[in-house]
Amino acid sequence: MRHAGLVYTYQAMSAPGLPEIQVEVRGGLFLNVRPIRPEDEPLLQEAFSRMSERSVYFRFFSPLKRLPEELAQRLALVDYKDRFALVATTPAADGHEQIVGVARYDRAPGTDTAEVALAVVDDYQRRGVGATLLGLLAQVARDHDIRHFSLVVLPENQTMLALLRRLGWIHKATLRGGVYEIEFEV
């Protein structure tokens, strides 16, 4: 199934083991988008190794040199309802699948609010990968009765702030402790 733009049929994405979808982003790049799987841990490690120090810092708020194994395991394990993640993949030069972007949410226990995080490998930034993943993630979240997203963004991460503005997702932003705390309805 091939999809272009930001309107998708995504029912295949709400549970593990179901078909992925293909989307086209800027520059004619086709991505396969699917829920993350536990066996994606090595692909997460590899994607992390292709991210710049700046991108790593914007995502993890720490100058990590490598993705710790425990963190990679935690990121790859989700319950597909309260903890959910989508990966965008393309074929690598060797023909194997590589992750180029990840969007995830973690629901605050007992609420309809989830914290969101996004990471896109540098070579794929500014091509619509992040917007595509966030749009699909919001659709999945609504299906799981999540009504609000929250996220924390460093003020110097102007690319992410601009993306959230373009999506119309900055409804409330509070600068606290040197970071923007942003909340919006899904």
C-alpha atoms as a PDB file:
ATOM      1  CA  MET A   1       0.000   0.000   0.000  1.00  0.00           C
ATOM      2  CA  ARG A   2       1.543   3.347  -1.021  1.00  0.00           C
ATOM      3  CA  HIS A   3       0.581   6.634   0.638  1.00  0.00           C
ATOM      4  CA  ALA A   4       1.676  10.187  -0.036  1.00  0.00           C
ATOM      5  CA  GLY A   5       1.227  13.327   2.027  1.00  0.00           C
ATOM      6  CA  LEU A   6       0.003  13.318   5.614  1.00  0.00           C
ATOM      7  CA  VAL A   7      -3.322  11.495   5.272  1.00  0.00           C
ATOM      8  CA  TYR A   8      -2.919   7.761   5.757  1.00  0.00           C
ATOM      9  CA  THR A   9      -4.771   4.556   6.176  1.00  0.00           C
ATOM     10  CA  TYR A  10      -2.964   3.179   9.158  1.00  0.00           C
ATOM     11  CA  GLN A  11      -5.076   0.401  10.679  1.00  0.00           C
ATOM     12  CA  ALA A  12      -2.219  -1.982   9.905  1.00  0.00           C
ATOM     13  CA  MET A  13      -0.046  -0.089  12.345  1.00  0.00           C
ATOM     14  CA  SER A  14      -1.926  -0.374  15.601  1.00  0.00           C
ATOM     15  CA  ALA A  15      -0.512  -3.766  16.614  1.00  0.00           C
ATOM     16  CA  PRO A  16       2.715  -5.708  16.183  1.00  0.00           C
ATOM     17  CA  GLY A  17       3.090  -8.268  13.430  1.00  0.00           C
ATOM     18  CA  LEU A  18       0.722  -6.541  11.042  1.00  0.00           C
ATOM     19  CA  PRO A  19       1.720  -5.094   7.669  1.00  0.00           C
ATOM     20  CA  GLU A  20       3.711  -1.900   7.421  1.00  0.00           C
ATOM     21  CA  ILE A  21       2.746   0.959   5.150  1.00  0.00           C
ATOM     22  CA  GLN A  22       4.830   2.798   2.605  1.00  0.00           C
ATOM     23  CA  VAL A  23       4.824   6.602   2.540  1.00  0.00           C
ATOM     24  CA  GLU A  24       6.499   9.097   0.268  1.00  0.00           C
ATOM     25  CA  VAL A  25       8.212  12.133   1.771  1.00  0.00           C
ATOM     26  CA  ARG A  26      10.026  15.079   0.207  1.00  0.00           C
ATOM     27  CA  GLY A  27      12.492  14.324  -2.526  1.00  0.00           C
ATOM     28  CA  GLY A  28      10.650  11.207  -3.666  1.00  0.00           C
ATOM     29  CA  LEU A  29      11.964   9.180  -0.729  1.00  0.00           C
ATOM     30  CA  PHE A  30       9.828   6.155   0.096  1.00  0.00           C
ATOM     31  CA  LEU A  31       9.790   4.963   3.690  1.00  0.00           C
ATOM     32  CA  ASN A  32       8.356   1.858   5.257  1.00  0.00           C
ATOM     33  CA  VAL A  33       6.613   2.749   8.514  1.00  0.00           C
ATOM     34  CA  ARG A  34       5.670   0.144  11.085  1.00  0.00           C
ATOM     35  CA  PRO A  35       5.408  -0.417  14.827  1.00  0.00           C
ATOM     36  CA  ILE A  36       8.732  -1.070  16.509  1.00  0.00           C
ATOM     37  CA  ARG A  37       9.574  -4.673  17.385  1.00  0.00           C
ATOM     38  CA  PRO A  38      11.837  -6.046  20.152  1.00  0.00           C
ATOM     39  CA  GLU A  39      14.226  -7.366  17.509  1.00  0.00           C
ATOM     40  CA  ASP A  40      14.777  -3.764  16.304  1.00  0.00           C
ATOM     41  CA  GLU A  41      17.249  -3.161  19.133  1.00  0.00           C
ATOM     42  CA  PRO A  42      20.350  -3.595  16.881  1.00  0.00           C
ATOM     43  CA  LEU A  43      18.739  -1.330  14.261  1.00  0.00           C
ATOM     44  CA  LEU A  44      18.211   1.329  16.945  1.00  0.00           C
ATOM     45  CA  GLN A  45      21.878   1.044  17.915  1.00  0.00           C
ATOM     46  CA  GLU A  46      22.907   1.411  14.274  1.00  0.00           C
ATOM     47  CA  ALA A  47      20.596   4.413  13.701  1.00  0.00           C
ATOM     48  CA  PHE A  48      21.999   6.070  16.836  1.00  0.00           C
ATOM     49  CA  SER A  49      25.525   5.632  15.452  1.00  0.00           C
ATOM     50  CA  ARG A  50      24.492   7.615  12.346  1.00  0.00           C
ATOM     51  CA  MET A  51      23.171  10.568  14.371  1.00  0.00           C
ATOM     52  CA  SER A  52      25.267  13.662  15.004  1.00  0.00           C
ATOM     53  CA  GLU A  53      26.208  14.672  18.540  1.00  0.00           C
ATOM     54  CA  ARG A  54      23.774  17.582  18.193  1.00  0.00           C
ATOM     55  CA  SER A  55      20.849  15.333  17.190  1.00  0.00           C
ATOM     56  CA  VAL A  56      21.645  12.922  20.031  1.00  0.00           C
ATOM     57  CA  TYR A  57      21.759  15.801  22.506  1.00  0.00           C
ATOM     58  CA  PHE A  58      18.428  17.216  21.278  1.00  0.00           C
ATOM     59  CA  ARG A  59      16.760  13.798  21.668  1.00  0.00           C
ATOM     60  CA  PHE A  60      18.333  12.522  24.908  1.00  0.00           C
ATOM     61  CA  PHE A  61      19.441  15.825  26.553  1.00  0.00           C
ATOM     62  CA  SER A  62      22.800  14.198  27.122  1.00  0.00           C
ATOM     63  CA  PRO A  63      26.000  13.889  25.049  1.00  0.00           C
ATOM     64  CA  LEU A  64      25.823  10.105  24.717  1.00  0.00           C
ATOM     65  CA  LYS A  65      28.599   8.567  22.623  1.00  0.00           C
ATOM     66  CA  ARG A  66      26.684   5.326  22.161  1.00  0.00           C
ATOM     67  CA  LEU A  67      23.199   4.078  22.959  1.00  0.00           C
ATOM     68  CA  PRO A  68      23.481   2.006  26.147  1.00  0.00           C
ATOM     69  CA  GLU A  69      22.248  -1.557  25.662  1.00  0.00           C
ATOM     70  CA  GLU A  70      19.713  -1.258  28.521  1.00  0.00           C
ATOM     71  CA  LEU A  71      18.237   1.890  26.969  1.00  0.00           C
ATOM     72  CA  ALA A  72      18.095   0.311  23.506  1.00  0.00           C
ATOM     73  CA  GLN A  73      16.237  -2.673  24.993  1.00  0.00           C
ATOM     74  CA  ARG A  74      13.783  -0.386  26.777  1.00  0.00           C
ATOM     75  CA  LEU A  75      13.171   1.657  23.629  1.00  0.00           C
ATOM     76  CA  ALA A  76      12.541  -1.470  21.547  1.00  0.00           C
ATOM     77  CA  LEU A  77      10.065  -2.980  24.039  1.00  0.00           C
ATOM     78  CA  VAL A  78       6.596  -1.455  23.974  1.00  0.00           C
ATOM     79  CA  ASP A  79       3.141  -2.738  24.896  1.00  0.00           C
ATOM     80  CA  TYR A  80       1.494  -1.318  21.719  1.00  0.00           C
ATOM     81  CA  LYS A  81      -1.064   0.621  23.745  1.00  0.00           C
ATOM     82  CA  ASP A  82       0.354   2.740  26.594  1.00  0.00           C
ATOM     83  CA  ARG A  83       3.927   2.569  25.227  1.00  0.00           C
ATOM     84  CA  PHE A  84       4.019   2.735  21.455  1.00  0.00           C
ATOM     85  CA  ALA A  85       6.676   3.510  18.869  1.00  0.00           C
ATOM     86  CA  LEU A  86       6.780   3.751  15.100  1.00  0.00           C
ATOM     87  CA  VAL A  87       9.908   3.344  13.018  1.00  0.00           C
ATOM     88  CA  ALA A  88      10.550   4.628   9.515  1.00  0.00           C
ATOM     89  CA  THR A  89      12.920   2.412   7.568  1.00  0.00           C
ATOM     90  CA  THR A  90      14.677   2.324   4.207  1.00  0.00           C
ATOM     91  CA  PRO A  91      17.003  -0.222   2.642  1.00  0.00           C
ATOM     92  CA  ALA A  92      20.660   0.318   3.586  1.00  0.00           C
ATOM     93  CA  ALA A  93      23.453   0.136   1.010  1.00  0.00           C
ATOM     94  CA  ASP A  94      23.881  -3.559   1.875  1.00  0.00           C
ATOM     95  CA  GLY A  95      20.177  -4.204   1.222  1.00  0.00           C
ATOM     96  CA  HIS A  96      19.242  -4.702   4.875  1.00  0.00           C
ATOM     97  CA  GLU A  97      16.625  -2.560   6.587  1.00  0.00           C
ATOM     98  CA  GLN A  98      17.844   0.552   8.426  1.00  0.00           C
ATOM     99  CA  ILE A  99      15.904   2.817  10.769  1.00  0.00           C
ATOM    100  CA  VAL A 100      15.909   6.482   9.734  1.00  0.00           C
ATOM    101  CA  GLY A 101      13.384   7.800  12.262  1.00  0.00           C
ATOM    102  CA  VAL A 102      11.496   6.852  15.419  1.00  0.00           C
ATOM    103  CA  ALA A 103       8.459   8.478  17.035  1.00  0.00           C
ATOM    104  CA  ARG A 104       7.138   7.196  20.322  1.00  0.00           C
ATOM    105  CA  TYR A 105       4.765   7.935  23.136  1.00  0.00           C
ATOM    106  CA  ASP A 106       4.564   6.827  26.756  1.00  0.00           C
ATOM    107  CA  ARG A 107       1.226   7.357  28.485  1.00  0.00           C
ATOM    108  CA  ALA A 108       1.278   8.883  31.966  1.00  0.00           C
ATOM    109  CA  PRO A 109      -0.342   6.165  34.141  1.00  0.00           C
ATOM    110  CA  GLY A 110      -4.085   6.586  34.606  1.00  0.00           C
ATOM    111  CA  THR A 111      -4.357   9.576  32.241  1.00  0.00           C
ATOM    112  CA  ASP A 112      -5.206  10.398  28.645  1.00  0.00           C
ATOM    113  CA  THR A 113      -1.834  12.172  28.252  1.00  0.00           C
ATOM    114  CA  ALA A 114       1.344  10.723  26.766  1.00  0.00           C
ATOM    115  CA  GLU A 115       4.854  12.068  26.508  1.00  0.00           C
ATOM    116  CA  VAL A 116       6.150  12.113  22.941  1.00  0.00           C
ATOM    117  CA  ALA A 117       9.687  11.786  21.598  1.00  0.00           C
ATOM    118  CA  LEU A 118      11.036  11.952  18.060  1.00  0.00           C
ATOM    119  CA  ALA A 119      14.430  11.199  16.545  1.00  0.00           C
ATOM    120  CA  VAL A 120      15.409  11.351  12.881  1.00  0.00           C
ATOM    121  CA  VAL A 121      18.836  10.388  11.551  1.00  0.00           C
ATOM    122  CA  ASP A 122      20.584  13.531  10.284  1.00  0.00           C
ATOM    123  CA  ASP A 123      20.722  12.515   6.596  1.00  0.00           C
ATOM    124  CA  TYR A 124      16.908  12.242   6.614  1.00  0.00           C
ATOM    125  CA  GLN A 125      16.047  15.429   8.509  1.00  0.00           C
ATOM    126  CA  ARG A 126      14.054  18.216   6.816  1.00  0.00           C
ATOM    127  CA  ARG A 127      12.452  15.760   4.395  1.00  0.00           C
ATOM    128  CA  GLY A 128       9.130  15.255   6.179  1.00  0.00           C
ATOM    129  CA  VAL A 129      10.120  12.101   8.069  1.00  0.00           C
ATOM    130  CA  GLY A 130       9.398  13.631  11.494  1.00  0.00           C
ATOM    131  CA  ALA A 131       6.084  15.169  10.429  1.00  0.00           C
ATOM    132  CA  THR A 132       4.998  11.879   8.873  1.00  0.00           C
ATOM    133  CA  LEU A 133       5.874   9.854  11.953  1.00  0.00           C
ATOM    134  CA  LEU A 134       4.222  12.325  14.337  1.00  0.00           C
ATOM    135  CA  GLY A 135       1.059  12.438  12.223  1.00  0.00           C
ATOM    136  CA  LEU A 136       0.777   8.654  12.223  1.00  0.00           C
ATOM    137  CA  LEU A 137       1.637   8.431  15.913  1.00  0.00           C
ATOM    138  CA  ALA A 138      -1.180  10.875  16.725  1.00  0.00           C
ATOM    139  CA  GLN A 139      -3.655   8.680  14.835  1.00  0.00           C
ATOM    140  CA  VAL A 140      -2.549   5.589  16.756  1.00  0.00           C
ATOM    141  CA  ALA A 141      -2.703   7.518  20.049  1.00  0.00           C
ATOM    142  CA  ARG A 142      -6.303   8.583  19.397  1.00  0.00           C
ATOM    143  CA  ASP A 143      -7.216   4.923  18.822  1.00  0.00           C
ATOM    144  CA  HIS A 144      -5.766   4.182  22.257  1.00  0.00           C
ATOM    145  CA  ASP A 145      -7.762   6.957  23.957  1.00  0.00           C
ATOM    146  CA  ILE A 146      -4.830   9.317  24.318  1.00  0.00           C
ATOM    147  CA  ARG A 147      -6.119  12.869  23.964  1.00  0.00           C
ATOM    148  CA  HIS A 148      -3.064  14.967  24.878  1.00  0.00           C
ATOM    149  CA  PHE A 149       0.607  14.863  24.017  1.00  0.00           C
ATOM    150  CA  SER A 150       3.339  16.491  26.046  1.00  0.00           C
ATOM    151  CA  LEU A 151       6.983  16.880  25.214  1.00  0.00           C
ATOM    152  CA  VAL A 152      10.104  18.621  26.377  1.00  0.00           C
ATOM    153  CA  VAL A 153      12.181  20.532  23.814  1.00  0.00           C
ATOM    154  CA  LEU A 154      15.439  22.410  24.264  1.00  0.00           C
ATOM    155  CA  PRO A 155      15.094  26.079  23.199  1.00  0.00           C
ATOM    156  CA  GLU A 156      17.990  25.686  20.746  1.00  0.00           C
ATOM    157  CA  ASN A 157      16.149  22.851  18.939  1.00  0.00           C
ATOM    158  CA  GLN A 158      14.560  25.289  16.512  1.00  0.00           C
ATOM    159  CA  THR A 159      13.930  22.568  13.922  1.00  0.00           C
ATOM    160  CA  MET A 160      11.631  20.674  16.291  1.00  0.00           C
ATOM    161  CA  LEU A 161       9.907  23.836  17.466  1.00  0.00           C
ATOM    162  CA  ALA A 162       9.311  24.869  13.833  1.00  0.00           C
ATOM    163  CA  LEU A 163       7.907  21.411  13.026  1.00  0.00           C
ATOM    164  CA  LEU A 164       5.497  21.578  15.968  1.00  0.00           C
ATOM    165  CA  ARG A 165       4.391  25.071  14.870  1.00  0.00           C
ATOM    166  CA  ARG A 166       3.806  23.849  11.285  1.00  0.00           C
ATOM    167  CA  LEU A 167       1.719  20.961  12.600  1.00  0.00           C
ATOM    168  CA  GLY A 168      -0.267  23.414  14.752  1.00  0.00           C
ATOM    169  CA  TRP A 169       0.749  21.503  17.871  1.00  0.00           C
ATOM    170  CA  ILE A 170       2.090  24.272  20.078  1.00  0.00           C
ATOM    171  CA  HIS A 171      -0.929  25.283  22.160  1.00  0.00           C
ATOM    172  CA  LYS A 172       0.829  25.696  25.476  1.00  0.00           C
ATOM    173  CA  ALA A 173       4.589  26.066  25.887  1.00  0.00           C
ATOM    174  CA  THR A 174       6.206  26.883  29.194  1.00  0.00           C
ATOM    175  CA  LEU A 175       9.897  27.645  29.589  1.00  0.00           C
ATOM    176  CA  ARG A 176      10.885  25.888  32.810  1.00  0.00           C
ATOM    177  CA  GLY A 177      14.337  24.799  33.923  1.00  0.00           C
ATOM    178  CA  GLY A 178      15.915  25.738  30.611  1.00  0.00           C
ATOM    179  CA  VAL A 179      13.540  23.630  28.469  1.00  0.00           C
ATOM    180  CA  TYR A 180      10.185  24.164  26.816  1.00  0.00           C
ATOM    181  CA  GLU A 181       7.413  21.990  28.222  1.00  0.00           C
ATOM    182  CA  ILE A 182       4.818  21.735  25.460  1.00  0.00           C
ATOM    183  CA  GLU A 183       1.311  20.284  25.680  1.00  0.00           C
ATOM    184  CA  PHE A 184      -1.301  19.937  22.966  1.00  0.00           C
ATOM    185  CA  GLU A 185      -4.421  18.005  22.058  1.00  0.00           C
ATOM    186  CA  VAL A 186      -3.923  15.077  19.743  1.00  0.00           C
END
